[in-house]
N, C-alpha and C. Protein backbone atom coordinates (compact mmCIF):
# COMPACT_ATOMS: atom_id res chain seq x y z
N MET A 1 1.08 -0.96 -0.04
CA MET A 1 0.03 0.06 -0.02
C MET A 1 0.89 1.30 -0.08
N LYS A 2 0.69 2.43 -0.98
CA LYS A 2 1.25 3.52 -0.81
C LYS A 2 0.44 4.50 -0.86
N GLU A 3 0.74 5.52 -0.11
CA GLU A 3 0.13 6.67 -0.01
C GLU A 3 0.50 7.89 -0.56
N ARG A 4 -0.31 8.79 -1.09
CA ARG A 4 0.17 9.81 -2.21
C ARG A 4 -1.00 11.11 -1.74
N PRO A 5 -0.44 12.41 -1.93
CA PRO A 5 -1.06 13.43 -1.72
C PRO A 5 -2.02 13.79 -2.84
N ILE A 6 -3.33 14.32 -2.89
CA ILE A 6 -4.34 14.99 -3.91
C ILE A 6 -5.12 16.23 -3.94
N LEU A 7 -4.64 17.02 -4.54
CA LEU A 7 -5.70 18.17 -4.49
C LEU A 7 -7.11 18.09 -4.62
N PHE A 8 -7.76 19.04 -3.75
CA PHE A 8 -9.42 19.26 -3.98
C PHE A 8 -9.53 20.65 -3.86
N SER A 9 -10.47 21.22 -4.42
CA SER A 9 -10.78 22.52 -3.94
C SER A 9 -12.11 22.68 -2.82
N ALA A 10 -12.26 23.57 -2.32
CA ALA A 10 -12.98 23.87 -1.19
C ALA A 10 -14.56 23.43 -1.24
N PRO A 11 -15.17 23.55 -2.38
CA PRO A 11 -16.42 22.76 -2.62
C PRO A 11 -16.31 21.53 -2.74
N MET A 12 -15.15 20.56 -3.04
CA MET A 12 -15.20 19.53 -3.28
C MET A 12 -14.69 18.65 -1.86
N VAL A 13 -14.15 19.33 -1.13
CA VAL A 13 -13.88 19.06 0.03
C VAL A 13 -15.31 19.27 0.97
N ARG A 14 -15.98 19.94 1.23
CA ARG A 14 -17.24 19.92 1.27
C ARG A 14 -18.02 18.80 1.07
N ALA A 15 -17.83 18.11 -0.09
CA ALA A 15 -18.51 17.03 -0.65
C ALA A 15 -17.91 15.71 0.16
N LEU A 16 -16.67 16.09 -0.04
CA LEU A 16 -15.96 14.78 0.70
C LEU A 16 -16.67 14.56 2.28
N LEU A 17 -16.31 15.71 2.90
CA LEU A 17 -16.79 15.59 4.03
C LEU A 17 -17.96 15.32 4.28
N ALA A 18 -19.19 15.53 3.74
CA ALA A 18 -20.49 15.07 3.20
C ALA A 18 -20.72 13.84 2.91
N GLY A 19 -19.91 13.21 2.35
CA GLY A 19 -20.16 11.75 1.77
C GLY A 19 -20.53 11.63 0.60
N THR A 20 -20.81 12.68 -0.23
CA THR A 20 -21.74 12.87 -1.40
C THR A 20 -20.43 12.68 -2.64
N LYS A 21 -19.17 12.89 -2.31
CA LYS A 21 -18.09 12.55 -3.48
C LYS A 21 -17.40 11.22 -3.47
N THR A 22 -17.52 10.70 -4.20
CA THR A 22 -16.80 9.04 -4.43
C THR A 22 -16.07 8.73 -5.62
N GLN A 23 -15.83 9.87 -6.18
CA GLN A 23 -15.14 9.71 -7.68
C GLN A 23 -14.45 11.09 -7.71
N THR A 24 -13.23 10.87 -8.27
CA THR A 24 -12.70 12.23 -8.98
C THR A 24 -12.06 11.80 -10.42
N ARG A 25 -11.95 12.62 -11.70
CA ARG A 25 -11.53 12.58 -12.80
C ARG A 25 -10.23 13.57 -12.89
N ARG A 26 -9.13 13.04 -13.46
CA ARG A 26 -7.96 14.00 -13.61
C ARG A 26 -7.43 13.65 -15.00
N ILE A 27 -6.96 14.62 -15.75
CA ILE A 27 -6.84 14.63 -17.13
C ILE A 27 -5.52 13.38 -16.98
N VAL A 28 -5.28 12.65 -17.93
CA VAL A 28 -3.99 11.75 -18.28
C VAL A 28 -2.91 12.85 -18.88
N LYS A 29 -1.87 13.08 -18.07
CA LYS A 29 -0.81 13.84 -18.58
C LYS A 29 0.49 13.29 -18.24
N PRO A 30 0.93 12.38 -19.43
CA PRO A 30 2.19 11.57 -19.39
C PRO A 30 3.24 12.87 -19.20
N SER A 31 4.34 12.64 -18.12
CA SER A 31 5.54 13.26 -18.17
C SER A 31 6.75 13.15 -17.71
N ARG A 32 7.44 13.72 -17.17
CA ARG A 32 9.01 13.10 -17.12
C ARG A 32 8.47 12.15 -15.69
N ARG A 33 7.89 12.76 -14.62
CA ARG A 33 7.82 11.82 -13.48
C ARG A 33 6.93 10.45 -14.01
N TYR A 34 6.06 10.48 -14.56
CA TYR A 34 5.51 9.16 -15.07
C TYR A 34 5.65 9.07 -16.81
N PRO A 35 6.91 8.62 -17.02
CA PRO A 35 7.24 8.52 -18.43
C PRO A 35 6.63 7.49 -19.35
N PHE A 36 6.53 7.44 -20.52
CA PHE A 36 5.89 6.68 -21.21
C PHE A 36 6.90 5.36 -21.16
N GLU A 37 6.58 4.02 -21.52
CA GLU A 37 7.02 2.87 -21.56
C GLU A 37 6.71 2.30 -22.92
N PHE A 38 7.83 2.37 -23.70
CA PHE A 38 7.35 1.81 -25.02
C PHE A 38 7.35 0.59 -25.24
N VAL A 39 6.20 0.21 -25.95
CA VAL A 39 6.03 -1.47 -26.12
C VAL A 39 6.25 -1.57 -27.47
N GLY A 40 7.21 -2.55 -27.77
CA GLY A 40 7.60 -2.87 -29.32
C GLY A 40 8.73 -1.48 -29.66
N SER A 41 9.01 -1.32 -30.73
CA SER A 41 9.91 -0.43 -31.72
C SER A 41 9.30 0.97 -32.14
N GLY A 42 8.57 1.42 -31.69
CA GLY A 42 7.89 2.46 -32.63
C GLY A 42 8.38 3.80 -32.35
N ALA A 43 7.75 5.06 -32.81
CA ALA A 43 8.61 6.03 -32.76
C ALA A 43 8.50 6.55 -31.40
N LYS A 44 9.17 7.73 -31.29
CA LYS A 44 9.47 8.09 -29.73
C LYS A 44 8.64 9.22 -29.63
N ASP A 45 7.85 9.54 -29.88
CA ASP A 45 6.82 11.03 -29.92
C ASP A 45 5.52 10.30 -29.27
N GLY A 46 4.87 10.80 -28.30
CA GLY A 46 3.81 10.43 -27.78
C GLY A 46 2.68 10.58 -28.60
N PRO A 47 1.66 10.04 -28.22
CA PRO A 47 0.16 10.15 -29.08
C PRO A 47 -0.28 11.21 -29.15
N ASP A 48 -1.40 11.61 -29.78
CA ASP A 48 -2.11 12.78 -29.77
C ASP A 48 -3.46 12.20 -28.41
N TRP A 49 -3.46 12.82 -27.50
CA TRP A 49 -4.49 11.98 -26.66
C TRP A 49 -5.75 12.53 -26.96
N ASN A 50 -5.90 13.11 -27.55
CA ASN A 50 -7.22 13.98 -27.46
C ASN A 50 -7.86 13.58 -29.01
N ASP A 51 -7.11 12.83 -29.84
CA ASP A 51 -7.21 11.80 -31.17
C ASP A 51 -8.72 11.03 -30.98
N PRO A 52 -9.52 10.55 -31.55
CA PRO A 52 -10.66 9.75 -31.49
C PRO A 52 -10.22 8.51 -31.76
N SER A 53 -9.19 8.00 -32.38
CA SER A 53 -8.73 6.78 -32.28
C SER A 53 -7.79 6.18 -31.24
N CYS A 54 -7.46 7.16 -30.28
CA CYS A 54 -6.89 6.91 -29.08
C CYS A 54 -7.54 6.09 -28.13
N TRP A 55 -7.40 4.94 -27.62
CA TRP A 55 -8.33 4.20 -26.86
C TRP A 55 -7.42 3.57 -25.52
N GLY A 56 -7.92 2.97 -24.63
CA GLY A 56 -7.37 2.69 -23.62
C GLY A 56 -7.68 1.25 -22.89
N PHE A 57 -7.01 0.24 -22.26
CA PHE A 57 -7.05 -0.87 -21.57
C PHE A 57 -6.27 -1.31 -20.46
N MET A 58 -6.42 -1.82 -19.70
CA MET A 58 -5.67 -2.47 -18.65
C MET A 58 -4.70 -3.53 -19.11
N SER A 59 -3.35 -2.98 -18.82
CA SER A 59 -2.48 -3.92 -18.92
C SER A 59 -2.68 -5.45 -18.22
N GLU A 60 -1.89 -6.44 -18.04
CA GLU A 60 -2.23 -7.71 -17.95
C GLU A 60 -1.89 -7.82 -16.37
N ASP A 61 -0.92 -7.20 -16.08
CA ASP A 61 -0.47 -7.12 -14.81
C ASP A 61 -1.12 -6.39 -13.90
N GLY A 62 -2.12 -5.40 -14.74
CA GLY A 62 -3.05 -4.75 -13.53
C GLY A 62 -2.54 -3.36 -12.98
N ASP A 63 -1.00 -3.20 -13.56
CA ASP A 63 -0.40 -2.08 -12.94
C ASP A 63 -0.50 -0.52 -13.63
N ALA A 64 -0.78 -0.77 -15.03
CA ALA A 64 -0.84 0.41 -15.47
C ALA A 64 -2.06 0.30 -16.79
N TRP A 65 -2.41 1.44 -17.06
CA TRP A 65 -3.55 1.41 -18.26
C TRP A 65 -2.51 1.78 -19.86
N LEU A 66 -2.88 1.09 -20.81
CA LEU A 66 -2.18 1.27 -22.15
C LEU A 66 -3.33 2.17 -22.94
N LEU A 67 -2.67 3.34 -23.49
CA LEU A 67 -3.37 3.84 -24.24
C LEU A 67 -2.67 3.59 -26.02
N LYS A 68 -3.72 3.29 -26.74
CA LYS A 68 -3.13 3.09 -28.15
C LYS A 68 -3.85 4.25 -28.69
N ASP A 69 -2.87 4.38 -29.97
CA ASP A 69 -2.86 5.69 -30.76
C ASP A 69 -2.96 4.94 -32.33
N GLY A 70 -3.15 3.68 -32.33
CA GLY A 70 -2.78 3.40 -33.85
C GLY A 70 -3.38 1.87 -33.79
N THR A 71 -2.71 1.37 -34.99
CA THR A 71 -3.33 -0.43 -35.22
C THR A 71 -1.98 -1.17 -34.80
N LYS A 72 -0.41 -0.67 -34.79
CA LYS A 72 0.50 -1.28 -34.59
C LYS A 72 0.71 -1.83 -32.98
N GLU A 73 1.41 -2.82 -32.78
CA GLU A 73 1.95 -2.86 -31.50
C GLU A 73 2.73 -2.14 -31.12
N SER A 74 3.60 -1.15 -32.28
CA SER A 74 4.33 -0.48 -31.49
C SER A 74 3.47 1.02 -31.23
N ASP A 75 2.32 1.10 -31.52
CA ASP A 75 1.60 2.40 -31.15
C ASP A 75 1.18 2.17 -29.67
N ILE A 76 1.48 1.35 -28.76
CA ILE A 76 0.98 1.22 -27.35
C ILE A 76 1.69 1.91 -26.40
N HIS A 77 1.43 2.51 -25.43
CA HIS A 77 2.23 3.30 -24.87
C HIS A 77 1.96 2.85 -23.45
N GLN A 78 2.55 2.51 -22.47
CA GLN A 78 2.15 2.20 -21.16
C GLN A 78 2.48 3.27 -20.12
N ILE A 79 1.05 3.67 -19.39
CA ILE A 79 1.19 4.77 -18.39
C ILE A 79 0.64 4.18 -17.00
N PRO A 80 1.78 4.39 -15.92
CA PRO A 80 1.13 4.00 -14.76
C PRO A 80 0.52 5.27 -14.28
N CYS A 81 -0.79 5.03 -13.33
CA CYS A 81 -1.61 5.98 -13.12
C CYS A 81 -1.12 6.84 -11.87
N PRO A 82 -0.61 7.73 -11.78
CA PRO A 82 -0.27 8.66 -10.82
C PRO A 82 -0.58 8.57 -9.15
N TYR A 83 -2.15 8.31 -9.42
CA TYR A 83 -2.71 8.38 -8.21
C TYR A 83 -2.75 7.08 -7.32
N GLY A 84 -2.31 6.08 -8.15
CA GLY A 84 -2.23 4.88 -7.30
C GLY A 84 -3.23 3.76 -7.93
N GLN A 85 -3.39 2.70 -7.36
CA GLN A 85 -3.97 1.50 -7.39
C GLN A 85 -5.05 1.06 -6.41
N PRO A 86 -6.11 0.27 -6.75
CA PRO A 86 -6.77 -0.22 -5.37
C PRO A 86 -6.32 -0.63 -4.32
N GLY A 87 -6.57 0.21 -3.41
CA GLY A 87 -5.76 -0.28 -1.95
C GLY A 87 -4.99 0.43 -1.28
N ASP A 88 -4.42 1.47 -2.39
CA ASP A 88 -3.72 2.68 -2.02
C ASP A 88 -4.39 3.70 -1.20
N ARG A 89 -3.42 4.91 -0.69
CA ARG A 89 -4.59 6.12 -0.22
C ARG A 89 -3.89 7.23 -0.72
N LEU A 90 -4.91 8.00 -0.59
CA LEU A 90 -4.80 9.44 -0.82
C LEU A 90 -5.06 10.33 0.32
N TRP A 91 -3.97 11.10 0.55
CA TRP A 91 -4.33 12.03 1.54
C TRP A 91 -4.79 13.48 0.94
N VAL A 92 -5.70 14.19 1.49
CA VAL A 92 -6.63 15.28 0.84
C VAL A 92 -5.56 16.68 1.27
N ARG A 93 -5.04 17.33 -0.04
CA ARG A 93 -4.40 18.66 0.54
C ARG A 93 -5.52 19.82 0.14
N GLU A 94 -5.74 20.67 1.01
CA GLU A 94 -6.71 21.68 0.82
C GLU A 94 -6.17 23.01 1.52
N THR A 95 -6.83 24.25 1.05
CA THR A 95 -6.49 25.61 1.27
C THR A 95 -6.75 25.52 2.78
N HIS A 96 -5.57 26.15 3.66
CA HIS A 96 -5.92 26.17 5.30
C HIS A 96 -4.97 27.02 5.86
N MET A 97 -4.63 26.99 6.91
CA MET A 97 -4.07 28.20 7.98
C MET A 97 -3.45 27.39 8.87
N ASN A 98 -2.05 27.07 9.04
CA ASN A 98 -1.34 26.57 10.11
C ASN A 98 -1.15 27.57 11.31
N TRP A 99 -0.95 26.67 12.71
CA TRP A 99 -0.46 27.33 13.66
C TRP A 99 0.78 26.74 13.79
N TRP A 100 1.75 27.25 14.70
CA TRP A 100 2.99 27.20 14.75
C TRP A 100 3.70 26.95 16.20
N LYS A 101 4.64 26.53 16.49
CA LYS A 101 4.89 26.70 17.91
C LYS A 101 6.50 26.53 17.76
N ILE A 102 6.90 26.69 19.28
CA ILE A 102 8.65 26.61 19.33
C ILE A 102 8.89 25.25 19.51
N ASP A 103 9.96 24.78 18.84
CA ASP A 103 10.43 23.59 18.86
C ASP A 103 11.46 23.41 20.14
N GLU A 104 10.85 22.47 21.03
CA GLU A 104 11.45 22.37 22.38
C GLU A 104 12.92 21.72 22.00
N ALA A 105 13.13 21.09 21.23
CA ALA A 105 14.34 20.61 20.92
C ALA A 105 15.62 21.66 20.41
N ASN A 106 14.77 22.80 20.02
CA ASN A 106 15.75 23.74 19.32
C ASN A 106 14.84 25.04 19.82
N PRO A 107 14.71 25.56 21.12
CA PRO A 107 13.98 26.86 21.34
C PRO A 107 14.46 27.96 20.18
N THR A 108 15.61 28.19 19.92
CA THR A 108 16.10 29.20 19.35
C THR A 108 15.85 29.04 17.74
N GLY A 109 15.46 28.08 17.32
CA GLY A 109 15.53 27.76 15.84
C GLY A 109 13.93 28.01 15.36
N PRO A 110 13.57 27.88 14.29
CA PRO A 110 12.40 27.92 13.64
C PRO A 110 11.46 27.49 14.35
N ARG A 111 9.98 27.96 14.33
CA ARG A 111 9.07 27.20 14.61
C ARG A 111 8.57 26.10 13.71
N VAL A 112 7.84 25.14 14.54
CA VAL A 112 7.36 23.86 14.24
C VAL A 112 5.90 23.67 13.91
N PHE A 113 5.50 23.11 12.96
CA PHE A 113 3.71 22.89 12.85
C PHE A 113 3.67 22.46 14.20
N SER A 114 2.26 23.02 14.67
CA SER A 114 1.54 22.98 15.67
C SER A 114 0.09 22.29 15.45
N HIS A 115 -0.91 22.94 14.72
CA HIS A 115 -1.94 22.28 14.19
C HIS A 115 -2.57 23.21 12.96
N VAL A 116 -3.70 22.97 12.55
CA VAL A 116 -4.15 23.52 11.67
C VAL A 116 -5.30 24.37 12.16
N ALA A 117 -5.23 25.71 12.04
CA ALA A 117 -6.24 26.86 12.76
C ALA A 117 -7.30 26.87 11.97
N ALA A 118 -7.34 26.79 10.37
CA ALA A 118 -8.78 26.94 9.90
C ALA A 118 -8.45 26.20 8.67
N TYR A 119 -9.70 26.18 8.06
CA TYR A 119 -9.85 25.20 6.49
C TYR A 119 -10.64 26.21 5.97
N ALA A 120 -10.23 26.49 4.80
CA ALA A 120 -10.90 27.40 3.99
C ALA A 120 -12.39 26.65 3.87
N ALA A 121 -12.27 25.59 3.51
CA ALA A 121 -13.75 24.93 2.99
C ALA A 121 -14.88 25.18 3.98
N ASP A 122 -14.38 25.29 5.57
CA ASP A 122 -15.18 25.20 6.34
C ASP A 122 -15.93 26.60 6.58
N GLY A 123 -15.56 27.70 5.67
CA GLY A 123 -16.15 29.06 5.64
C GLY A 123 -15.81 30.00 6.81
N TYR A 124 -14.45 29.86 7.33
CA TYR A 124 -13.80 30.73 8.14
C TYR A 124 -13.11 31.88 7.49
N GLU A 125 -13.56 32.92 7.83
CA GLU A 125 -13.33 34.72 7.52
C GLU A 125 -12.12 34.69 7.98
N LEU A 126 -10.97 35.37 7.18
CA LEU A 126 -9.85 35.64 7.97
C LEU A 126 -9.75 36.92 8.70
N GLU A 127 -8.86 37.01 9.57
CA GLU A 127 -8.60 37.98 10.30
C GLU A 127 -7.69 38.90 9.71
N PRO A 128 -7.95 40.16 9.80
CA PRO A 128 -6.69 41.20 9.52
C PRO A 128 -4.91 40.53 9.82
N GLY A 129 -4.51 40.54 8.75
CA GLY A 129 -3.17 39.90 9.00
C GLY A 129 -3.01 38.33 8.62
N GLU A 130 -3.85 37.70 8.80
CA GLU A 130 -3.81 36.33 8.75
C GLU A 130 -4.27 35.98 7.03
N ARG A 131 -3.77 34.80 6.74
CA ARG A 131 -3.28 34.42 5.12
C ARG A 131 -3.69 33.07 4.90
N TRP A 132 -4.42 32.42 3.94
CA TRP A 132 -4.42 31.20 3.63
C TRP A 132 -3.17 30.58 3.08
N THR A 133 -2.92 29.24 3.66
CA THR A 133 -1.58 28.50 2.59
C THR A 133 -2.31 27.64 1.42
N PRO A 134 -1.94 28.00 0.52
CA PRO A 134 -2.62 27.22 -0.96
C PRO A 134 -2.56 25.72 -0.32
N SER A 135 -3.44 24.73 -1.11
CA SER A 135 -3.26 23.59 -0.72
C SER A 135 -2.06 22.54 -1.16
N ILE A 136 -1.59 23.42 -2.38
CA ILE A 136 0.01 22.34 -2.76
C ILE A 136 0.94 22.33 -1.48
N HIS A 137 0.68 23.44 -0.69
CA HIS A 137 1.56 23.89 0.38
C HIS A 137 1.36 22.71 1.83
N MET A 138 0.16 22.10 1.62
CA MET A 138 -0.21 21.49 3.07
C MET A 138 0.63 20.37 3.39
N LEU A 139 1.23 20.45 4.53
CA LEU A 139 2.02 19.28 5.20
C LEU A 139 0.92 17.94 5.44
N ARG A 140 1.60 16.92 5.41
CA ARG A 140 0.77 15.70 5.74
C ARG A 140 0.18 15.53 7.00
N ALA A 141 0.84 15.81 7.81
CA ALA A 141 0.34 16.15 9.22
C ALA A 141 -0.71 17.20 9.52
N ALA A 142 -1.05 18.02 8.43
CA ALA A 142 -2.36 18.95 8.57
C ALA A 142 -3.32 18.47 7.71
N SER A 143 -3.07 17.54 6.89
CA SER A 143 -4.25 16.94 6.43
C SER A 143 -5.33 16.08 7.04
N ARG A 144 -6.76 16.17 7.11
CA ARG A 144 -7.86 15.63 7.67
C ARG A 144 -8.64 15.05 6.98
N ILE A 145 -8.11 14.30 6.00
CA ILE A 145 -8.95 13.58 5.27
C ILE A 145 -8.27 12.42 4.55
N LEU A 146 -8.58 11.14 4.92
CA LEU A 146 -7.59 10.35 4.03
C LEU A 146 -8.59 9.54 2.90
N LEU A 147 -8.37 8.82 1.91
CA LEU A 147 -9.27 8.24 1.28
C LEU A 147 -8.75 7.26 0.83
N GLU A 148 -9.38 6.10 0.46
CA GLU A 148 -8.83 4.67 -0.17
C GLU A 148 -9.28 4.25 -1.36
N ILE A 149 -8.48 4.16 -2.22
CA ILE A 149 -8.77 3.85 -3.54
C ILE A 149 -9.46 2.28 -3.86
N VAL A 150 -10.71 2.52 -4.15
CA VAL A 150 -11.60 1.31 -4.50
C VAL A 150 -11.10 0.73 -6.13
N SER A 151 -11.15 1.63 -6.96
CA SER A 151 -10.85 1.53 -8.26
C SER A 151 -10.35 2.44 -9.19
N VAL A 152 -9.49 2.14 -10.36
CA VAL A 152 -8.79 3.10 -11.19
C VAL A 152 -9.32 2.44 -12.39
N SER A 153 -9.44 3.53 -13.70
CA SER A 153 -9.66 3.09 -14.77
C SER A 153 -9.20 4.69 -15.66
N ALA A 154 -9.13 4.15 -16.72
CA ALA A 154 -8.77 5.21 -17.62
C ALA A 154 -10.03 5.29 -18.74
N LYS A 155 -10.86 6.50 -18.97
CA LYS A 155 -11.86 6.61 -19.85
C LYS A 155 -11.82 8.19 -20.57
N ARG A 156 -12.68 8.42 -21.62
CA ARG A 156 -12.99 9.53 -22.18
C ARG A 156 -13.55 10.32 -20.69
N LEU A 157 -13.45 11.64 -21.16
CA LEU A 157 -14.09 12.51 -20.17
C LEU A 157 -15.60 12.33 -20.26
N GLN A 158 -16.28 12.51 -21.48
CA GLN A 158 -17.70 12.39 -22.03
C GLN A 158 -18.43 11.14 -21.59
N ASP A 159 -17.79 10.01 -21.26
CA ASP A 159 -18.38 8.79 -20.89
C ASP A 159 -18.74 8.84 -19.61
N ILE A 160 -18.80 9.70 -19.01
CA ILE A 160 -19.48 9.91 -17.59
C ILE A 160 -20.85 9.95 -17.63
N SER A 161 -21.29 8.99 -16.59
CA SER A 161 -22.70 8.88 -16.81
C SER A 161 -23.44 9.93 -15.85
N GLU A 162 -24.84 9.73 -15.69
CA GLU A 162 -25.47 10.46 -14.71
C GLU A 162 -24.83 10.17 -13.50
N ALA A 163 -24.95 8.84 -13.44
CA ALA A 163 -24.61 8.11 -11.49
C ALA A 163 -23.35 8.56 -11.47
N ASP A 164 -22.46 8.76 -12.19
CA ASP A 164 -20.85 9.11 -12.34
C ASP A 164 -20.82 10.58 -11.85
N ALA A 165 -21.79 11.29 -12.49
CA ALA A 165 -21.80 12.88 -12.07
C ALA A 165 -22.21 13.00 -10.91
N MET A 166 -23.20 12.69 -10.54
CA MET A 166 -23.54 12.55 -8.88
C MET A 166 -22.81 11.84 -8.05
N ALA A 167 -21.61 10.79 -8.37
CA ALA A 167 -20.40 10.77 -7.67
C ALA A 167 -19.53 11.39 -7.44
N GLU A 168 -19.44 12.53 -8.54
CA GLU A 168 -18.82 13.40 -8.45
C GLU A 168 -18.48 14.73 -7.42
N GLY A 169 -19.89 14.51 -6.67
CA GLY A 169 -20.20 15.25 -5.73
C GLY A 169 -21.24 16.16 -5.40
N ILE A 170 -22.06 16.12 -6.55
CA ILE A 170 -23.37 17.00 -6.94
C ILE A 170 -24.25 16.41 -5.94
N THR A 171 -24.99 17.59 -5.12
CA THR A 171 -25.97 17.10 -4.37
C THR A 171 -27.51 17.83 -5.49
N TYR A 172 -28.48 17.18 -4.91
CA TYR A 172 -29.61 17.49 -5.69
C TYR A 172 -30.14 19.22 -5.74
N ASP A 173 -29.71 19.75 -4.45
CA ASP A 173 -30.04 21.31 -4.67
C ASP A 173 -29.10 21.80 -5.64
N ARG A 174 -28.12 21.34 -6.30
CA ARG A 174 -27.27 22.13 -7.02
C ARG A 174 -27.64 21.91 -8.50
N LEU A 175 -28.44 20.90 -8.76
CA LEU A 175 -28.87 20.55 -10.11
C LEU A 175 -29.62 21.55 -10.88
N PRO A 176 -29.76 21.60 -12.01
CA PRO A 176 -30.85 22.31 -12.78
C PRO A 176 -31.94 21.97 -12.36
N ASN A 177 -33.01 23.34 -12.16
CA ASN A 177 -34.13 23.15 -12.08
C ASN A 177 -34.98 22.13 -12.56
N ASN A 178 -34.70 22.05 -14.23
CA ASN A 178 -35.46 21.21 -14.97
C ASN A 178 -35.33 19.66 -14.35
N GLY A 179 -36.35 19.03 -13.93
CA GLY A 179 -35.81 17.40 -13.30
C GLY A 179 -36.65 16.71 -14.38
N LEU A 180 -36.82 17.12 -15.70
CA LEU A 180 -37.21 16.34 -16.49
C LEU A 180 -36.02 16.06 -17.61
N ASP A 181 -34.97 16.87 -17.49
CA ASP A 181 -33.75 16.68 -17.77
C ASP A 181 -32.66 15.33 -17.88
N PRO A 182 -32.72 14.40 -18.40
CA PRO A 182 -32.31 13.21 -18.18
C PRO A 182 -30.71 13.48 -18.35
N THR A 183 -29.83 14.53 -18.41
CA THR A 183 -28.56 14.69 -18.32
C THR A 183 -28.16 15.83 -17.47
N ARG A 184 -29.28 16.31 -16.67
CA ARG A 184 -28.75 17.32 -15.89
C ARG A 184 -27.93 17.71 -14.55
N ALA A 185 -27.26 15.99 -14.30
CA ALA A 185 -26.41 16.00 -13.50
C ALA A 185 -25.02 15.93 -14.59
N ARG A 186 -25.20 15.54 -15.53
CA ARG A 186 -23.74 15.46 -16.27
C ARG A 186 -23.49 17.03 -16.71
N THR A 187 -25.05 17.73 -17.14
CA THR A 187 -24.78 19.21 -17.54
C THR A 187 -23.80 20.05 -16.65
N TRP A 188 -24.55 19.92 -15.25
CA TRP A 188 -23.69 20.20 -14.02
C TRP A 188 -21.94 20.13 -13.97
N TYR A 189 -21.71 18.94 -14.15
CA TYR A 189 -20.49 18.24 -14.13
C TYR A 189 -19.46 19.20 -15.25
N ARG A 190 -20.08 19.23 -16.30
CA ARG A 190 -20.01 19.73 -17.24
C ARG A 190 -19.32 21.46 -16.86
N GLY A 191 -20.05 22.15 -16.44
CA GLY A 191 -19.85 23.55 -16.22
C GLY A 191 -18.68 23.43 -14.76
N MET A 192 -18.71 22.65 -14.42
CA MET A 192 -17.63 22.58 -12.92
C MET A 192 -16.43 22.09 -13.48
N TRP A 193 -16.26 21.19 -14.80
CA TRP A 193 -15.36 20.91 -15.29
C TRP A 193 -14.47 22.04 -16.00
N GLU A 194 -14.89 22.95 -16.45
CA GLU A 194 -14.71 23.90 -17.55
C GLU A 194 -14.54 24.86 -16.06
N THR A 195 -15.20 25.34 -15.66
CA THR A 195 -14.68 25.88 -14.23
C THR A 195 -13.24 26.06 -13.91
N ILE A 196 -12.77 24.52 -13.90
CA ILE A 196 -11.71 24.21 -13.41
C ILE A 196 -10.47 24.12 -14.44
N ASN A 197 -11.00 23.64 -15.56
CA ASN A 197 -10.00 23.39 -16.68
C ASN A 197 -10.37 24.42 -17.93
N GLY A 198 -11.03 25.56 -17.54
CA GLY A 198 -11.19 26.46 -19.00
C GLY A 198 -12.18 26.08 -20.07
N ALA A 199 -12.62 26.93 -20.43
CA ALA A 199 -13.83 27.03 -21.88
C ALA A 199 -12.96 25.95 -22.52
N GLY A 200 -14.16 25.13 -23.20
CA GLY A 200 -13.66 24.33 -24.21
C GLY A 200 -12.79 23.01 -23.98
N SER A 201 -12.73 22.71 -22.57
CA SER A 201 -12.00 21.48 -22.15
C SER A 201 -13.08 20.23 -21.96
N TYR A 202 -14.00 20.46 -21.77
CA TYR A 202 -14.74 19.29 -21.90
C TYR A 202 -15.52 18.88 -23.44
N SER A 203 -15.53 19.90 -24.24
CA SER A 203 -15.64 19.41 -25.61
C SER A 203 -14.50 18.52 -26.03
N ALA A 204 -13.12 19.01 -25.74
CA ALA A 204 -11.99 18.31 -26.19
C ALA A 204 -12.09 17.12 -25.65
N ASN A 205 -12.72 16.40 -24.65
CA ASN A 205 -13.08 14.40 -24.47
C ASN A 205 -11.72 14.49 -24.33
N PRO A 206 -10.65 14.78 -23.31
CA PRO A 206 -9.39 13.88 -23.10
C PRO A 206 -9.72 12.72 -22.50
N TRP A 207 -8.59 11.75 -22.21
CA TRP A 207 -8.56 10.84 -21.42
C TRP A 207 -8.31 11.30 -20.05
N VAL A 208 -9.17 10.57 -18.98
CA VAL A 208 -8.93 10.94 -17.47
C VAL A 208 -8.68 9.54 -16.72
N TRP A 209 -8.36 9.77 -15.79
CA TRP A 209 -8.15 8.91 -15.04
C TRP A 209 -9.18 9.11 -13.79
N VAL A 210 -9.93 7.66 -13.88
CA VAL A 210 -11.64 7.71 -12.96
C VAL A 210 -11.20 6.85 -11.64
N VAL A 211 -11.08 7.76 -10.59
CA VAL A 211 -10.45 7.46 -9.35
C VAL A 211 -11.57 7.00 -8.57
N GLU A 212 -11.95 5.99 -8.05
CA GLU A 212 -13.11 5.99 -7.04
C GLU A 212 -12.62 5.46 -5.83
N PHE A 213 -13.10 6.20 -4.97
CA PHE A 213 -12.73 5.87 -3.38
C PHE A 213 -13.66 6.19 -2.25
N ARG A 214 -13.29 5.47 -1.12
CA ARG A 214 -14.41 5.42 0.11
C ARG A 214 -13.17 6.31 1.08
N ARG A 215 -13.91 7.24 1.76
CA ARG A 215 -13.20 7.75 2.92
C ARG A 215 -12.94 6.95 4.09
N ILE A 216 -11.89 7.20 4.88
CA ILE A 216 -11.60 6.00 5.91
C ILE A 216 -11.09 6.98 6.83
N LYS A 217 -11.20 8.48 6.74
CA LYS A 217 -10.69 9.45 7.88
C LYS A 217 -11.65 10.98 7.33
């Protein structure tokens, strides 16, 4: 079992705490940290992930997803999911404010982490002189939410179902008023996705990691 950090916005943190969010989708982004492992002897350029011919499936050992952008064996590229596999854990990073204390082992040295004074997701209003610490800088000791991965898959973004959209953290009071619309949860999700990733990012229909989890803390 491995443990990794994952960032969530304040609305999604509230959904995690409420138990309404059990899935997250993150764009597949090959990088130096998670490089391609080329199968066969193809070109060394990565595929165009937005091309409709690109598709994915699980490798035989279950450790990575294979994204294929052509018809030859050399067109297959192995990419490990950076968020882990079932059984691994994710500790949530969120916007917060730390309190610090004197280090008893080194009283004249820099102060050390004491505890979290406030989380932005809880609606705390900053007092003069206070400031938030961005989620990316959250210490492991400051995290209050721990998730266990249930399943991992690679899918096209627009393959999301109504049930999946609900599992992304939507609540009925945030759905469009038209109860007869069979795609209203997906409509809400599209708006949320483009708020985070920019206009047109949903229409691009990229490959995404679909991580399903359960909260254990």
